Amino acid sequence: VSNPESPSLAGYHNDRPIDTPADSDAGGDLGPEGLAFIHADVSPTGEPLLVVAHEISGTTVVYRVHVN
């Protein structure tokens, strides 16, 4: 947050299908628990990355972070 006095929502992402039961194989990524930010300087792609570990589904997702 560059200005704590005036925060703004930069975006929201949810890749879970809302019409699929959570306990099915198609339930998507469930229970995000661990987050790790990888700075562009040490990223294998040269871009900033956000790694999210989901405790319920046992999945890990890597997102590219777009900096404006």
PDB file of N, CA and C in Angstrom:
ATOM      1  N   VAL A   1       0.862  -1.168   0.000  1.00  0.00           N
ATOM      2  CA  VAL A   1       0.000   0.000   0.000  1.00  0.00           C
ATOM      3  C   VAL A   1       0.902   1.223   0.000  1.00  0.00           C
ATOM      4  N   SER A   2       0.864   1.945  -1.091  1.00  0.00           N
ATOM      5  CA  SER A   2       1.732   3.116  -1.199  1.00  0.00           C
ATOM      6  C   SER A   2       1.218   4.298  -0.388  1.00  0.00           C
ATOM      7  N   ASN A   3      -0.094   4.387  -0.188  1.00  0.00           N
ATOM      8  CA  ASN A   3      -0.657   5.466   0.615  1.00  0.00           C
ATOM      9  C   ASN A   3      -1.676   4.857   1.585  1.00  0.00           C
ATOM     10  N   PRO A   4      -1.282   4.559   2.818  1.00  0.00           N
ATOM     11  CA  PRO A   4      -2.192   3.937   3.783  1.00  0.00           C
ATOM     12  C   PRO A   4      -3.428   4.773   4.092  1.00  0.00           C
ATOM     13  N   GLU A   5      -3.353   6.075   3.839  1.00  0.00           N
ATOM     14  CA  GLU A   5      -4.492   6.955   4.082  1.00  0.00           C
ATOM     15  C   GLU A   5      -5.574   6.803   3.014  1.00  0.00           C
ATOM     16  N   SER A   6      -5.201   6.239   1.862  1.00  0.00           N
ATOM     17  CA  SER A   6      -6.140   6.148   0.742  1.00  0.00           C
ATOM     18  C   SER A   6      -5.938   4.837  -0.035  1.00  0.00           C
ATOM     19  N   PRO A   7      -6.252   3.684   0.594  1.00  0.00           N
ATOM     20  CA  PRO A   7      -6.067   2.407  -0.111  1.00  0.00           C
ATOM     21  C   PRO A   7      -7.104   2.236  -1.217  1.00  0.00           C
ATOM     22  N   SER A   8      -6.751   1.437  -2.219  1.00  0.00           N
ATOM     23  CA  SER A   8      -7.707   1.128  -3.286  1.00  0.00           C
ATOM     24  C   SER A   8      -7.549  -0.329  -3.682  1.00  0.00           C
ATOM     25  N   LEU A   9      -8.641  -0.926  -4.125  1.00  0.00           N
ATOM     26  CA  LEU A   9      -8.634  -2.312  -4.552  1.00  0.00           C
ATOM     27  C   LEU A   9      -7.988  -2.416  -5.926  1.00  0.00           C
ATOM     28  N   ALA A  10      -6.915  -3.189  -6.022  1.00  0.00           N
ATOM     29  CA  ALA A  10      -6.208  -3.332  -7.293  1.00  0.00           C
ATOM     30  C   ALA A  10      -6.797  -4.443  -8.143  1.00  0.00           C
ATOM     31  N   GLY A  11      -7.464  -5.389  -7.504  1.00  0.00           N
ATOM     32  CA  GLY A  11      -8.072  -6.481  -8.246  1.00  0.00           C
ATOM     33  C   GLY A  11      -8.472  -7.619  -7.331  1.00  0.00           C
ATOM     34  N   TYR A  12      -9.200  -8.554  -7.875  1.00  0.00           N
ATOM     35  CA  TYR A  12      -9.649  -9.716  -7.130  1.00  0.00           C
ATOM     36  C   TYR A  12      -9.681 -10.899  -8.078  1.00  0.00           C
ATOM     37  N   HIS A  13      -9.218 -12.049  -7.619  1.00  0.00           N
ATOM     38  CA  HIS A  13      -9.216 -13.245  -8.463  1.00  0.00           C
ATOM     39  C   HIS A  13      -9.729 -14.427  -7.660  1.00  0.00           C
ATOM     40  N   ASN A  14     -10.671 -15.153  -8.209  1.00  0.00           N
ATOM     41  CA  ASN A  14     -11.194 -16.365  -7.589  1.00  0.00           C
ATOM     42  C   ASN A  14     -11.362 -17.387  -8.704  1.00  0.00           C
ATOM     43  N   ASP A  15     -10.566 -18.453  -8.677  1.00  0.00           N
ATOM     44  CA  ASP A  15     -10.650 -19.448  -9.752  1.00  0.00           C
ATOM     45  C   ASP A  15     -11.481 -20.667  -9.374  1.00  0.00           C
ATOM     46  N   ARG A  16     -12.218 -20.586  -8.270  1.00  0.00           N
ATOM     47  CA  ARG A  16     -13.097 -21.690  -7.879  1.00  0.00           C
ATOM     48  C   ARG A  16     -14.421 -21.579  -8.615  1.00  0.00           C
ATOM     49  N   PRO A  17     -14.876 -22.676  -9.224  1.00  0.00           N
ATOM     50  CA  PRO A  17     -16.205 -22.655  -9.842  1.00  0.00           C
ATOM     51  C   PRO A  17     -17.281 -22.664  -8.757  1.00  0.00           C
ATOM     52  N   ILE A  18     -18.168 -21.690  -8.771  1.00  0.00           N
ATOM     53  CA  ILE A  18     -19.162 -21.581  -7.700  1.00  0.00           C
ATOM     54  C   ILE A  18     -20.290 -22.605  -7.821  1.00  0.00           C
ATOM     55  N   ASP A  19     -20.418 -23.224  -8.982  1.00  0.00           N
ATOM     56  CA  ASP A  19     -21.497 -24.194  -9.167  1.00  0.00           C
ATOM     57  C   ASP A  19     -21.009 -25.640  -9.035  1.00  0.00           C
ATOM     58  N   THR A  20     -19.817 -25.847  -8.485  1.00  0.00           N
ATOM     59  CA  THR A  20     -19.242 -27.175  -8.313  1.00  0.00           C
ATOM     60  C   THR A  20     -19.047 -27.448  -6.831  1.00  0.00           C
ATOM     61  N   PRO A  21     -19.467 -28.622  -6.349  1.00  0.00           N
ATOM     62  CA  PRO A  21     -19.261 -28.932  -4.927  1.00  0.00           C
ATOM     63  C   PRO A  21     -17.774 -28.884  -4.552  1.00  0.00           C
ATOM     64  N   ALA A  22     -17.493 -28.341  -3.379  1.00  0.00           N
ATOM     65  CA  ALA A  22     -16.110 -28.183  -2.937  1.00  0.00           C
ATOM     66  C   ALA A  22     -15.402 -29.515  -2.768  1.00  0.00           C
ATOM     67  N   ASP A  23     -16.150 -30.589  -2.481  1.00  0.00           N
ATOM     68  CA  ASP A  23     -15.507 -31.877  -2.247  1.00  0.00           C
ATOM     69  C   ASP A  23     -15.338 -32.713  -3.515  1.00  0.00           C
ATOM     70  N   SER A  24     -15.666 -32.136  -4.673  1.00  0.00           N
ATOM     71  CA  SER A  24     -15.465 -32.861  -5.929  1.00  0.00           C
ATOM     72  C   SER A  24     -14.061 -32.592  -6.462  1.00  0.00           C
ATOM     73  N   ASP A  25     -13.606 -33.414  -7.384  1.00  0.00           N
ATOM     74  CA  ASP A  25     -12.285 -33.208  -7.987  1.00  0.00           C
ATOM     75  C   ASP A  25     -12.202 -31.898  -8.759  1.00  0.00           C
ATOM     76  N   ALA A  26     -13.343 -31.374  -9.175  1.00  0.00           N
ATOM     77  CA  ALA A  26     -13.378 -30.122  -9.937  1.00  0.00           C
ATOM     78  C   ALA A  26     -13.658 -28.926  -9.033  1.00  0.00           C
ATOM     79  N   GLY A  27     -13.484 -29.099  -7.713  1.00  0.00           N
ATOM     80  CA  GLY A  27     -13.812 -28.050  -6.750  1.00  0.00           C
ATOM     81  C   GLY A  27     -12.874 -26.862  -6.762  1.00  0.00           C
ATOM     82  N   GLY A  28     -11.791 -26.955  -7.474  1.00  0.00           N
ATOM     83  CA  GLY A  28     -10.873 -25.828  -7.559  1.00  0.00           C
ATOM     84  C   GLY A  28      -9.915 -25.769  -6.395  1.00  0.00           C
ATOM     85  N   ASP A  29      -9.257 -24.660  -6.248  1.00  0.00           N
ATOM     86  CA  ASP A  29      -8.274 -24.459  -5.190  1.00  0.00           C
ATOM     87  C   ASP A  29      -8.993 -24.024  -3.920  1.00  0.00           C
ATOM     88  N   LEU A  30      -8.827 -24.810  -2.857  1.00  0.00           N
ATOM     89  CA  LEU A  30      -9.564 -24.564  -1.617  1.00  0.00           C
ATOM     90  C   LEU A  30      -8.635 -24.278  -0.446  1.00  0.00           C
ATOM     91  N   GLY A  31      -8.983 -23.304   0.350  1.00  0.00           N
ATOM     92  CA  GLY A  31      -8.266 -23.010   1.577  1.00  0.00           C
ATOM     93  C   GLY A  31      -6.890 -22.407   1.389  1.00  0.00           C
ATOM     94  N   PRO A  32      -6.781 -21.238   0.735  1.00  0.00           N
ATOM     95  CA  PRO A  32      -5.460 -20.627   0.614  1.00  0.00           C
ATOM     96  C   PRO A  32      -4.896 -20.340   1.999  1.00  0.00           C
ATOM     97  N   GLU A  33      -3.696 -20.848   2.242  1.00  0.00           N
ATOM     98  CA  GLU A  33      -3.118 -20.706   3.575  1.00  0.00           C
ATOM     99  C   GLU A  33      -1.738 -20.058   3.539  1.00  0.00           C
ATOM    100  N   GLY A  34      -0.877 -20.499   2.644  1.00  0.00           N
ATOM    101  CA  GLY A  34       0.472 -19.957   2.591  1.00  0.00           C
ATOM    102  C   GLY A  34       0.668 -19.086   1.372  1.00  0.00           C
ATOM    103  N   LEU A  35       1.299 -17.946   1.581  1.00  0.00           N
ATOM    104  CA  LEU A  35       1.606 -17.019   0.491  1.00  0.00           C
ATOM    105  C   LEU A  35       3.099 -16.736   0.483  1.00  0.00           C
ATOM    106  N   ALA A  36       3.684 -16.690  -0.696  1.00  0.00           N
ATOM    107  CA  ALA A  36       5.092 -16.309  -0.832  1.00  0.00           C
ATOM    108  C   ALA A  36       5.223 -15.387  -2.033  1.00  0.00           C
ATOM    109  N   PHE A  37       5.809 -14.220  -1.813  1.00  0.00           N
ATOM    110  CA  PHE A  37       6.059 -13.282  -2.903  1.00  0.00           C
ATOM    111  C   PHE A  37       7.483 -13.487  -3.389  1.00  0.00           C
ATOM    112  N   ILE A  38       7.658 -13.599  -4.686  1.00  0.00           N
ATOM    113  CA  ILE A  38       8.982 -13.745  -5.284  1.00  0.00           C
ATOM    114  C   ILE A  38       9.269 -12.488  -6.095  1.00  0.00           C
ATOM    115  N   HIS A  39      10.260 -11.737  -5.662  1.00  0.00           N
ATOM    116  CA  HIS A  39      10.623 -10.487  -6.327  1.00  0.00           C
ATOM    117  C   HIS A  39      11.154 -10.778  -7.729  1.00  0.00           C
ATOM    118  N   ALA A  40      10.930  -9.877  -8.649  1.00  0.00           N
ATOM    119  CA  ALA A  40      11.357 -10.054 -10.041  1.00  0.00           C
ATOM    120  C   ALA A  40      12.855 -10.315 -10.164  1.00  0.00           C
ATOM    121  N   ASP A  41      13.637  -9.749  -9.267  1.00  0.00           N
ATOM    122  CA  ASP A  41      15.095  -9.926  -9.323  1.00  0.00           C
ATOM    123  C   ASP A  41      15.531 -11.378  -9.132  1.00  0.00           C
ATOM    124  N   VAL A  42      14.731 -12.157  -8.425  1.00  0.00           N
ATOM    125  CA  VAL A  42      15.087 -13.557  -8.160  1.00  0.00           C
ATOM    126  C   VAL A  42      14.099 -14.539  -8.794  1.00  0.00           C
ATOM    127  N   SER A  43      13.153 -14.024  -9.533  1.00  0.00           N
ATOM    128  CA  SER A  43      12.140 -14.858 -10.185  1.00  0.00           C
ATOM    129  C   SER A  43      12.730 -15.557 -11.410  1.00  0.00           C
ATOM    130  N   PRO A  44      12.376 -16.822 -11.637  1.00  0.00           N
ATOM    131  CA  PRO A  44      12.879 -17.509 -12.831  1.00  0.00           C
ATOM    132  C   PRO A  44      12.339 -16.927 -14.138  1.00  0.00           C
ATOM    133  N   THR A  45      11.229 -16.183 -14.061  1.00  0.00           N
ATOM    134  CA  THR A  45      10.652 -15.579 -15.258  1.00  0.00           C
ATOM    135  C   THR A  45      11.061 -14.125 -15.442  1.00  0.00           C
ATOM    136  N   GLY A  46      11.703 -13.546 -14.406  1.00  0.00           N
ATOM    137  CA  GLY A  46      12.052 -12.131 -14.462  1.00  0.00           C
ATOM    138  C   GLY A  46      10.897 -11.226 -14.104  1.00  0.00           C
ATOM    139  N   GLU A  47       9.746 -11.825 -13.717  1.00  0.00           N
ATOM    140  CA  GLU A  47       8.567 -11.063 -13.312  1.00  0.00           C
ATOM    141  C   GLU A  47       8.275 -11.360 -11.847  1.00  0.00           C
ATOM    142  N   PRO A  48       7.649 -10.406 -11.123  1.00  0.00           N
ATOM    143  CA  PRO A  48       7.262 -10.713  -9.753  1.00  0.00           C
ATOM    144  C   PRO A  48       6.182 -11.799  -9.749  1.00  0.00           C
ATOM    145  N   LEU A  49       6.270 -12.712  -8.783  1.00  0.00           N
ATOM    146  CA  LEU A  49       5.331 -13.825  -8.704  1.00  0.00           C
ATOM    147  C   LEU A  49       4.739 -13.920  -7.304  1.00  0.00           C
ATOM    148  N   LEU A  50       3.522 -14.450  -7.217  1.00  0.00           N
ATOM    149  CA  LEU A  50       2.892 -14.759  -5.949  1.00  0.00           C
ATOM    150  C   LEU A  50       2.566 -16.245  -5.957  1.00  0.00           C
ATOM    151  N   VAL A  51       3.107 -16.988  -4.988  1.00  0.00           N
ATOM    152  CA  VAL A  51       2.865 -18.423  -4.872  1.00  0.00           C
ATOM    153  C   VAL A  51       1.860 -18.624  -3.743  1.00  0.00           C
ATOM    154  N   VAL A  52       0.783 -19.373  -4.037  1.00  0.00           N
ATOM    155  CA  VAL A  52      -0.269 -19.610  -3.059  1.00  0.00           C
ATOM    156  C   VAL A  52      -0.418 -21.111  -2.848  1.00  0.00           C
ATOM    157  N   ALA A  53      -0.291 -21.548  -1.588  1.00  0.00           N
ATOM    158  CA  ALA A  53      -0.496 -22.949  -1.234  1.00  0.00           C
ATOM    159  C   ALA A  53      -1.879 -23.098  -0.617  1.00  0.00           C
ATOM    160  N   HIS A  54      -2.654 -24.060  -1.110  1.00  0.00           N
ATOM    161  CA  HIS A  54      -4.018 -24.292  -0.632  1.00  0.00           C
ATOM    162  C   HIS A  54      -4.045 -25.563   0.215  1.00  0.00           C
ATOM    163  N   GLU A  55      -4.400 -25.411   1.496  1.00  0.00           N
ATOM    164  CA  GLU A  55      -4.332 -26.526   2.427  1.00  0.00           C
ATOM    165  C   GLU A  55      -5.426 -27.562   2.212  1.00  0.00           C
ATOM    166  N   ILE A  56      -6.604 -27.184   1.799  1.00  0.00           N
ATOM    167  CA  ILE A  56      -7.709 -28.130   1.663  1.00  0.00           C
ATOM    168  C   ILE A  56      -7.571 -28.952   0.382  1.00  0.00           C
ATOM    169  N   SER A  57      -7.345 -28.286  -0.744  1.00  0.00           N
ATOM    170  CA  SER A  57      -7.252 -28.994  -2.018  1.00  0.00           C
ATOM    171  C   SER A  57      -5.864 -29.588  -2.250  1.00  0.00           C
ATOM    172  N   GLY A  58      -4.876 -29.150  -1.477  1.00  0.00           N
ATOM    173  CA  GLY A  58      -3.512 -29.647  -1.654  1.00  0.00           C
ATOM    174  C   GLY A  58      -2.863 -29.166  -2.936  1.00  0.00           C
ATOM    175  N   THR A  59      -3.288 -28.017  -3.422  1.00  0.00           N
ATOM    176  CA  THR A  59      -2.758 -27.477  -4.668  1.00  0.00           C
ATOM    177  C   THR A  59      -1.883 -26.253  -4.397  1.00  0.00           C
ATOM    178  N   THR A  60      -1.032 -25.955  -5.356  1.00  0.00           N
ATOM    179  CA  THR A  60      -0.196 -24.757  -5.311  1.00  0.00           C
ATOM    180  C   THR A  60      -0.365 -24.018  -6.628  1.00  0.00           C
ATOM    181  N   VAL A  61      -0.537 -22.722  -6.539  1.00  0.00           N
ATOM    182  CA  VAL A  61      -0.755 -21.892  -7.725  1.00  0.00           C
ATOM    183  C   VAL A  61       0.295 -20.781  -7.746  1.00  0.00           C
ATOM    184  N   VAL A  62       0.810 -20.481  -8.931  1.00  0.00           N
ATOM    185  CA  VAL A  62       1.762 -19.384  -9.091  1.00  0.00           C
ATOM    186  C   VAL A  62       1.112 -18.334  -9.990  1.00  0.00           C
ATOM    187  N   TYR A  63       1.020 -17.113  -9.495  1.00  0.00           N
ATOM    188  CA  TYR A  63       0.436 -16.001 -10.248  1.00  0.00           C
ATOM    189  C   TYR A  63       1.523 -15.006 -10.621  1.00  0.00           C
ATOM    190  N   ARG A  64       1.447 -14.472 -11.838  1.00  0.00           N
ATOM    191  CA  ARG A  64       2.299 -13.345 -12.215  1.00  0.00           C
ATOM    192  C   ARG A  64       1.692 -12.086 -11.641  1.00  0.00           C
ATOM    193  N   VAL A  65       2.523 -11.208 -11.115  1.00  0.00           N
ATOM    194  CA  VAL A  65       2.056  -9.954 -10.551  1.00  0.00           C
ATOM    195  C   VAL A  65       2.376  -8.852 -11.544  1.00  0.00           C
ATOM    196  N   HIS A  66       1.348  -8.175 -12.012  1.00  0.00           N
ATOM    197  CA  HIS A  66       1.547  -7.066 -12.966  1.00  0.00           C
ATOM    198  C   HIS A  66       1.669  -5.764 -12.179  1.00  0.00           C
ATOM    199  N   VAL A  67       2.751  -5.082 -12.369  1.00  0.00           N
ATOM    200  CA  VAL A  67       3.001  -3.817 -11.671  1.00  0.00           C
ATOM    201  C   VAL A  67       2.738  -2.684 -12.650  1.00  0.00           C
ATOM    202  N   ASN A  68       1.877  -1.763 -12.225  1.00  0.00           N
ATOM    203  CA  ASN A  68       1.554  -0.602 -13.075  1.00  0.00           C
ATOM    204  C   ASN A  68       2.553   0.497 -12.875  1.00  0.00           C
TER     205      ASN A  68
END
